[in-house]
Protein backbone atom coordinates (compact mmCIF):
# COMPACT_ATOMS: atom_id res chain seq x y z
CA MET A 1 4.72 1.62 41.59
CA ARG A 2 2.91 3.60 38.97
CA PHE A 3 0.13 1.58 37.04
CA ALA A 4 -0.87 2.60 33.75
CA ILE A 5 -3.87 5.09 33.39
CA LEU A 6 -6.90 3.68 32.41
CA MET A 7 -9.53 5.37 29.90
CA LEU A 8 -12.91 5.11 30.07
CA SER A 9 -14.65 6.80 27.41
CA THR A 10 -18.22 6.75 26.44
CA LEU A 11 -20.11 8.28 23.13
CA CYS A 12 -23.74 8.63 23.27
CA LEU A 13 -25.25 9.31 19.92
CA PHE A 14 -28.81 10.36 19.61
CA GLY A 15 -29.46 10.31 15.71
CA GLY A 16 -32.31 11.98 13.65
CA ALA A 17 -33.18 11.29 10.10
CA SER A 18 -30.81 10.64 7.92
CA ILE A 19 -30.76 12.95 4.64
CA ASP A 20 -30.02 11.94 1.00
CA THR A 21 -26.87 12.56 -0.40
CA LYS A 22 -26.84 13.74 -3.92
CA GLU A 23 -24.85 11.51 -6.26
CA THR A 24 -22.20 13.25 -8.37
CA ARG A 25 -22.58 11.95 -11.97
CA LEU A 26 -19.60 12.27 -14.61
CA ASP A 27 -18.60 10.79 -17.72
CA MET A 28 -15.14 8.70 -17.93
CA ARG A 29 -13.41 6.70 -21.05
CA LEU A 30 -14.08 2.69 -21.00
CA ARG A 31 -10.38 2.71 -20.37
CA GLU A 32 -10.47 4.71 -17.15
CA VAL A 33 -13.12 2.62 -16.13
CA ALA A 34 -12.25 -1.03 -17.17
CA ASP A 35 -8.78 -2.95 -17.84
CA LEU A 36 -9.26 -5.49 -21.11
CA GLN A 37 -8.44 -9.26 -19.65
CA GLY A 38 -4.99 -10.65 -21.01
CA VAL A 39 -3.27 -7.05 -21.76
CA ARG A 40 -1.13 -6.57 -18.47
CA GLY A 41 2.59 -6.36 -17.58
CA ASN A 42 4.32 -9.59 -16.11
CA GLN A 43 6.65 -9.50 -13.30
CA LEU A 44 10.10 -10.69 -13.68
CA LEU A 45 12.76 -11.43 -10.92
CA GLY A 46 16.45 -12.05 -10.97
CA TYR A 47 19.42 -12.11 -8.43
CA GLY A 48 22.79 -10.78 -9.25
CA LEU A 49 25.50 -8.77 -7.89
CA VAL A 50 26.65 -5.15 -7.54
CA VAL A 51 30.21 -4.28 -7.70
CA GLY A 52 32.39 -0.90 -7.30
CA LEU A 53 30.88 0.05 -3.64
CA LYS A 54 33.62 1.89 -1.50
CA GLY A 55 33.57 -0.40 1.18
CA THR A 56 29.69 -0.22 1.75
CA GLY A 57 28.91 -3.84 0.29
CA ASP A 58 28.24 -7.13 2.45
CA SER A 59 30.41 -8.39 4.89
CA SER A 60 31.90 -11.63 5.46
CA GLN A 61 28.82 -12.89 7.01
CA VAL A 62 27.01 -13.11 3.72
CA LYS A 63 28.51 -16.27 2.54
CA SER A 64 26.00 -16.69 -0.76
CA THR A 65 27.74 -13.13 -1.97
CA ALA A 66 31.31 -14.59 -1.98
CA GLN A 67 30.05 -17.72 -3.29
CA THR A 68 28.15 -16.30 -6.15
CA LEU A 69 31.36 -13.76 -6.89
CA SER A 70 33.74 -17.30 -6.91
CA ASN A 71 31.05 -18.65 -9.54
CA LEU A 72 31.15 -15.43 -11.87
CA LEU A 73 35.37 -15.63 -11.89
CA ALA A 74 34.86 -19.24 -12.25
CA ARG A 75 32.99 -18.71 -15.69
CA GLN A 76 35.74 -16.00 -16.77
CA GLY A 77 38.41 -18.18 -16.46
CA VAL A 78 39.35 -17.05 -13.19
CA ASN A 79 39.53 -20.10 -10.21
CA ILE A 80 39.40 -18.64 -6.33
CA LEU A 81 38.03 -20.51 -3.44
CA PRO A 82 35.16 -18.13 -2.01
CA SER A 83 37.27 -18.14 1.40
CA ALA A 84 39.67 -16.22 -0.26
CA ILE A 85 37.67 -13.22 -1.12
CA GLN A 86 36.70 -10.05 -0.26
CA VAL A 87 33.56 -8.62 -0.51
CA LYS A 88 33.33 -5.36 1.02
CA ASN A 89 32.96 -3.46 -2.28
CA VAL A 90 30.47 -6.29 -3.58
CA ALA A 91 26.97 -7.15 -2.91
CA ALA A 92 24.21 -9.23 -3.42
CA VAL A 93 21.01 -7.80 -5.03
CA MET A 94 17.68 -8.92 -6.24
CA VAL A 95 16.64 -7.29 -9.43
CA THR A 96 13.04 -6.74 -10.13
CA ALA A 97 10.93 -5.39 -13.10
CA GLU A 98 8.03 -5.38 -14.54
CA LEU A 99 7.67 -6.62 -18.71
CA PRO A 100 5.25 -4.33 -20.50
CA ALA A 101 2.07 -5.82 -22.43
CA PHE A 102 3.25 -6.59 -26.14
CA SER A 103 7.12 -6.24 -25.38
CA ARG A 104 9.40 -6.70 -28.15
CA PRO A 105 13.05 -8.09 -28.07
CA GLY A 106 15.58 -5.25 -28.11
CA GLN A 107 13.43 -2.97 -26.07
CA LYS A 108 14.33 -1.62 -22.80
CA ILE A 109 12.51 -1.64 -19.87
CA ASP A 110 13.47 -0.16 -16.23
CA VAL A 111 14.44 -2.43 -13.41
CA THR A 112 14.82 -2.26 -9.39
CA VAL A 113 17.42 -3.31 -7.36
CA SER A 114 17.58 -4.14 -3.92
CA SER A 115 19.94 -5.71 -1.44
CA SER A 116 19.57 -9.13 -0.36
CA GLY A 117 22.57 -9.16 2.17
CA ASP A 118 23.55 -6.85 5.08
CA CYS A 119 25.69 -3.91 2.64
CA SER A 120 25.01 -0.49 4.13
CA SER A 121 24.67 1.36 0.45
CA LEU A 122 24.50 0.96 -3.16
CA ALA A 123 25.78 4.31 -3.97
CA GLY A 124 28.32 3.97 -7.22
CA GLY A 125 27.79 0.56 -7.66
CA THR A 126 27.43 -1.15 -11.23
CA LEU A 127 24.85 -4.41 -11.70
CA LEU A 128 26.48 -7.02 -13.63
CA MET A 129 24.82 -8.72 -16.16
CA ALA A 130 21.85 -10.73 -14.15
CA ALA A 131 19.25 -12.86 -16.25
CA LEU A 132 15.41 -11.69 -15.41
CA GLN A 133 12.88 -14.74 -15.02
CA GLY A 134 9.07 -14.97 -15.19
CA PRO A 135 6.94 -17.31 -13.59
CA ASP A 136 7.42 -20.47 -15.90
CA ASN A 137 11.53 -19.85 -15.33
CA GLN A 138 12.39 -18.60 -18.57
CA VAL A 139 14.48 -15.35 -19.02
CA TYR A 140 12.85 -12.66 -20.89
CA ALA A 141 15.28 -9.89 -19.80
CA VAL A 142 18.82 -9.23 -18.92
CA ALA A 143 19.82 -6.19 -16.62
CA GLN A 144 23.09 -4.70 -16.32
CA GLY A 145 24.34 -0.60 -15.74
CA PRO A 146 24.93 1.55 -12.81
CA VAL A 147 22.64 2.03 -9.88
CA LEU A 148 21.08 5.13 -9.44
CA VAL A 149 20.30 5.40 -5.31
CA GLY A 150 17.84 8.19 -4.00
CA GLY A 151 19.90 8.41 -1.07
CA PHE A 152 23.15 8.22 1.18
CA SER A 153 24.93 6.68 4.21
CA ALA A 154 27.90 7.97 5.85
CA ALA A 155 29.95 7.08 9.04
CA ALA A 156 32.64 8.63 10.90
CA GLY A 157 33.79 8.57 14.34
CA GLY A 158 31.10 6.30 15.40
CA ALA A 159 28.53 8.74 14.48
CA SER A 160 26.47 7.77 11.38
CA ALA A 161 23.95 9.75 8.57
CA VAL A 162 21.43 7.80 6.58
CA LYS A 163 19.18 9.80 4.23
CA ASN A 164 16.30 7.63 2.50
CA HIS A 165 17.33 3.85 1.51
CA PRO A 166 20.44 3.97 -0.08
CA THR A 167 20.44 0.00 -0.20
CA ALA A 168 17.64 -0.15 -3.03
CA GLY A 169 17.62 2.00 -6.38
CA ARG A 170 17.03 2.33 -10.28
CA ILE A 171 18.34 1.45 -13.13
CA PRO A 172 16.77 3.29 -15.84
CA ASP A 173 16.05 1.59 -18.98
CA GLY A 174 18.46 -1.23 -17.59
CA ALA A 175 17.19 -3.94 -18.89
CA LEU A 176 16.91 -5.26 -22.54
CA VAL A 177 13.99 -7.24 -23.53
CA GLU A 178 14.95 -11.30 -24.77
CA ARG A 179 12.19 -13.04 -25.53
CA GLU A 180 8.37 -11.49 -25.68
CA VAL A 181 5.15 -13.49 -23.99
CA PRO A 182 3.51 -15.41 -26.68
CA GLY A 183 -0.15 -14.71 -27.37
CA PRO A 184 -1.27 -13.29 -30.82
CA PHE A 185 -3.61 -10.65 -30.20
CA ASN A 186 -5.55 -10.33 -33.28
CA ASP A 187 -6.79 -13.92 -33.22
CA ARG A 188 -8.89 -13.68 -30.23
CA LYS A 189 -12.75 -14.67 -31.05
CA MET A 190 -14.04 -12.49 -28.08
CA LEU A 191 -13.13 -9.61 -25.67
CA ARG A 192 -13.48 -9.28 -21.81
CA TYR A 193 -13.21 -6.16 -20.06
CA SER A 194 -12.87 -6.16 -15.80
CA LEU A 195 -14.45 -3.16 -14.42
CA GLN A 196 -11.99 -1.71 -11.98
CA GLN A 197 -14.72 -1.33 -9.25
CA GLU A 198 -17.75 -3.90 -9.20
CA ASP A 199 -21.27 -2.42 -9.79
CA PHE A 200 -24.26 -3.65 -11.73
CA THR A 201 -25.32 -0.27 -12.85
CA THR A 202 -21.82 0.29 -14.43
CA ALA A 203 -21.71 -2.82 -16.25
CA VAL A 204 -25.37 -2.29 -18.09
CA ARG A 205 -23.81 1.23 -19.12
CA VAL A 206 -20.90 -0.23 -20.50
CA VAL A 207 -22.59 -2.56 -22.21
CA HIS A 208 -25.41 -0.56 -23.56
CA ALA A 209 -22.58 1.91 -24.74
CA ILE A 210 -20.51 -0.54 -26.65
CA ASN A 211 -23.80 -1.85 -28.09
CA GLN A 212 -24.68 1.16 -29.10
CA GLU A 213 -21.06 2.27 -31.05
CA LEU A 214 -21.43 -0.90 -33.02
CA GLY A 215 -25.35 -1.32 -33.88
CA ASP A 216 -25.03 -4.84 -32.91
CA PRO A 217 -26.26 -6.25 -29.52
CA ALA A 218 -22.28 -7.64 -29.38
CA ALA A 219 -21.82 -7.04 -25.68
CA ARG A 220 -23.38 -8.52 -22.94
CA ALA A 221 -22.72 -8.53 -18.90
CA LEU A 222 -21.77 -11.72 -17.20
CA ASP A 223 -21.44 -10.21 -13.68
CA SER A 224 -21.00 -6.93 -12.07
CA ARG A 225 -17.24 -6.46 -12.85
CA THR A 226 -17.15 -8.79 -16.37
CA VAL A 227 -18.46 -7.56 -19.36
CA GLU A 228 -17.62 -9.50 -22.61
CA VAL A 229 -17.68 -8.56 -26.13
CA ALA A 230 -18.27 -11.03 -29.13
CA ILE A 231 -16.24 -9.34 -32.33
CA PRO A 232 -17.88 -8.45 -35.48
CA PRO A 233 -17.34 -10.04 -38.57
CA GLU A 234 -15.55 -7.03 -40.12
CA PHE A 235 -13.37 -6.84 -37.31
CA GLN A 236 -12.10 -10.21 -36.80
CA GLY A 237 -8.38 -10.45 -37.19
CA HIS A 238 -8.56 -6.55 -37.05
CA LEU A 239 -8.88 -6.17 -32.76
CA VAL A 240 -6.61 -2.70 -32.63
CA GLU A 241 -8.70 -0.92 -34.36
CA LEU A 242 -11.78 -2.01 -32.49
CA VAL A 243 -10.32 -1.88 -28.80
CA ALA A 244 -9.01 1.54 -30.11
CA ARG A 245 -12.61 2.49 -30.96
CA LEU A 246 -14.23 1.12 -27.80
CA GLU A 247 -11.48 2.55 -25.10
CA ASN A 248 -12.80 6.00 -25.66
CA LEU A 249 -16.81 5.51 -25.32
CA PRO A 250 -18.13 7.98 -22.50
CA ILE A 251 -19.32 6.12 -19.62
CA GLN A 252 -21.76 7.70 -17.29
CA MET A 253 -20.28 7.05 -13.71
CA GLN A 254 -21.87 7.86 -10.26
CA ASN A 255 -19.44 8.25 -7.40
CA LYS A 256 -20.24 6.52 -4.15
CA PRO A 257 -20.34 8.65 -1.12
CA ARG A 258 -17.14 7.12 1.08
CA VAL A 259 -15.21 7.99 3.90
CA VAL A 260 -12.01 5.55 4.53
CA VAL A 261 -10.28 5.86 7.99
CA ASN A 262 -7.40 4.31 9.18
CA GLU A 263 -7.62 3.23 12.74
CA LYS A 264 -3.34 2.14 13.17
CA THR A 265 -2.56 5.76 12.17
CA GLY A 266 -5.27 8.09 13.05
CA THR A 267 -6.07 8.76 9.16
CA VAL A 268 -9.44 9.97 8.39
CA VAL A 269 -10.23 10.87 4.41
CA MET A 270 -13.74 11.70 3.09
CA GLY A 271 -15.14 13.23 0.11
CA SER A 272 -16.38 16.57 -0.07
CA ASP A 273 -19.61 15.70 -0.54
CA VAL A 274 -20.25 13.48 2.19
CA ARG A 275 -22.97 14.80 4.34
CA ILE A 276 -24.54 13.20 7.56
CA GLY A 277 -27.95 13.81 8.89
CA ALA A 278 -29.22 15.46 12.22
CA VAL A 279 -27.36 14.15 15.37
CA SER A 280 -26.51 15.10 18.69
CA ILE A 281 -22.55 13.94 20.39
CA VAL A 282 -22.18 13.16 23.82
CA GLN A 283 -18.48 12.53 24.79
CA GLY A 284 -17.55 11.88 28.23
CA GLY A 285 -13.89 10.53 30.00
CA LEU A 286 -13.08 8.85 33.24
CA SER A 287 -9.60 8.26 34.37
CA ILE A 288 -7.71 6.33 36.98
CA ASN A 289 -4.87 6.36 38.49
CA VAL A 290 -3.46 3.70 40.77
CA THR A 291 -0.20 4.56 42.57
CA SER A 292 1.69 2.20 45.02
CA VAL A 293 4.61 3.21 47.39
CA PRO A 294 6.46 0.64 49.02
CA GLN A 295 6.77 0.92 53.04
CA VAL A 296 9.54 -0.77 55.15
CA SER A 297 8.37 -1.81 58.54
CA GLN A 298 11.71 -2.59 61.02
CA PRO A 299 11.88 -4.74 64.28
CA SER A 300 12.95 -2.96 67.71
CA PRO A 301 16.68 -2.97 67.99
CA PHE A 302 17.90 -6.45 69.66
CA SER A 303 14.79 -8.04 69.03
CA PRO A 304 14.99 -11.93 68.77
CA LYS A 305 12.22 -12.48 66.61
CA GLY A 306 11.53 -9.35 64.69
CA LYS A 307 11.34 -9.55 61.02
CA THR A 308 11.85 -6.44 58.40
CA VAL A 309 8.47 -6.30 56.47
CA THR A 310 7.72 -4.64 53.48
CA THR A 311 4.30 -3.19 52.78
CA ALA A 312 2.28 -1.36 49.82
CA GLN A 313 0.41 1.97 50.44
CA THR A 314 -1.61 2.25 47.88
CA ASP A 315 -3.33 5.16 46.64
CA VAL A 316 -6.12 5.35 43.93
CA LYS A 317 -7.18 8.95 42.53
CA VAL A 318 -10.45 9.20 40.29
CA GLU A 319 -10.74 12.22 38.10
CA GLU A 320 -13.98 12.02 35.62
CA GLU A 321 -13.61 14.79 33.03
CA LYS A 322 -16.46 17.43 32.06
CA PRO A 323 -18.67 15.63 29.54
CA LYS A 324 -18.51 17.53 25.29
CA SER A 325 -21.33 17.66 23.74
CA MET A 326 -22.60 19.19 19.93
CA THR A 327 -25.61 19.12 17.90
CA ILE A 328 -25.05 18.59 14.25
CA GLU A 329 -27.32 20.31 12.00
CA PRO A 330 -28.80 18.39 8.80
CA GLY A 331 -26.35 18.60 5.77
CA THR A 332 -23.33 19.50 7.54
CA SER A 333 -20.28 17.63 5.60
CA VAL A 334 -18.02 15.33 7.37
CA GLY A 335 -14.99 17.51 6.92
CA ARG A 336 -17.03 20.34 9.00
CA LEU A 337 -17.74 17.64 11.29
CA ALA A 338 -14.06 16.81 11.86
CA GLU A 339 -12.98 20.48 12.22
CA MET A 340 -15.57 20.86 15.11
CA LEU A 341 -14.48 17.84 16.86
CA ASN A 342 -10.55 18.99 16.39
CA ALA A 343 -11.77 22.57 18.08
CA LEU A 344 -12.76 20.61 21.02
CA GLY A 345 -9.94 18.74 21.60
CA THR A 346 -10.88 15.58 20.19
CA THR A 347 -7.73 13.04 19.27
CA PRO A 348 -8.65 11.46 15.94
CA ARG A 349 -8.74 7.89 17.28
CA ASP A 350 -11.80 9.34 18.96
CA ILE A 351 -13.15 10.89 15.53
CA ILE A 352 -12.57 7.53 14.01
CA ALA A 353 -14.62 6.05 16.98
CA ILE A 354 -17.65 8.95 16.56
CA LEU A 355 -17.83 7.93 12.84
CA GLN A 356 -18.32 4.60 13.40
CA ALA A 357 -20.72 4.94 15.93
CA ILE A 358 -22.42 8.00 13.66
CA LYS A 359 -22.64 5.40 10.63
CA ASP A 360 -24.54 2.51 12.80
CA ALA A 361 -27.38 5.42 13.93
CA GLY A 362 -28.05 5.36 10.47
CA ALA A 363 -27.15 9.53 10.12
CA LEU A 364 -23.96 8.49 7.84
CA ASN A 365 -25.33 8.34 4.42
CA ALA A 366 -21.61 7.00 3.25
CA ASP A 367 -20.00 3.75 2.71
CA LEU A 368 -17.36 3.68 5.93
CA ARG A 369 -14.42 1.58 5.01
CA VAL A 370 -12.07 1.00 7.80
CA LEU A 371 -8.32 -0.11 7.13
């Protein structure tokens, strides 16, 4: 029996003084930096049937499909038991959509259709009228139409081929809005902006830009993410003009150096301006192979007390790789470091471990995020 190889890696860091990373500043508009509270979409959910499939629908094991089709036919004046229905051309689906802010009845929105049974493909199917409800169980839209699928599924002679996800598709403009979300926008007494990234400096800059534009201390920062704006008297009842004026204000931003690593996939993403300080890296590996071979010992012929015995012969082999070392000069970018480590044959997961150790050594002046 062969056991798994045990890998022991050591990583030594001799850190020097870290360097200062220059902050890149750029001007962005307020609507690119913050979101206006209360102006957002709402999620809708519905259940329906897709018909017209070419034998790729749900099997008889999915009882809900036959029951739903029986109920639908009963509303059309056709009474038939669910057990008498063959649903190979029908599939039960969940229908999802997002109701944009300020949607009005009669507008059209896109919907996504996803199989909830065991159908193999929705290609060529048509969604029957499905009511889309909000979290309050009110119907806000009704969806119906042909389903567009970006894949296919084919099978013949025991062989099959599948591309992308044929059990999910979209219906562009497939739903009609029947109800609007209540809430008059112009009756508000104040506005609140939520920064997409919390930062005290950015919040103060947003407040300064708004007060400078309005000529009155109408804005104030509630915390590092929320900015509240009182409505000036001249804009009472005319908030659309005020929001349009504020959303294009230039806001000076400062990019924070950041390195993002994903340990599950071995992916490393970093900004081109991320630098590291002087550091020396030494990496070595130790592999241990343990091999066990069974040996059978038999007694002499016609031995009255002899027994067959099985023993294991174990062989242990230890190999220690030659340590890999490199010295990084101050100001080297993280991208250049990754190229140097790749040239040495370092795996992506080892690179992630090295970056984490460099951060702990104080030589990486950036925000390291591990997913």
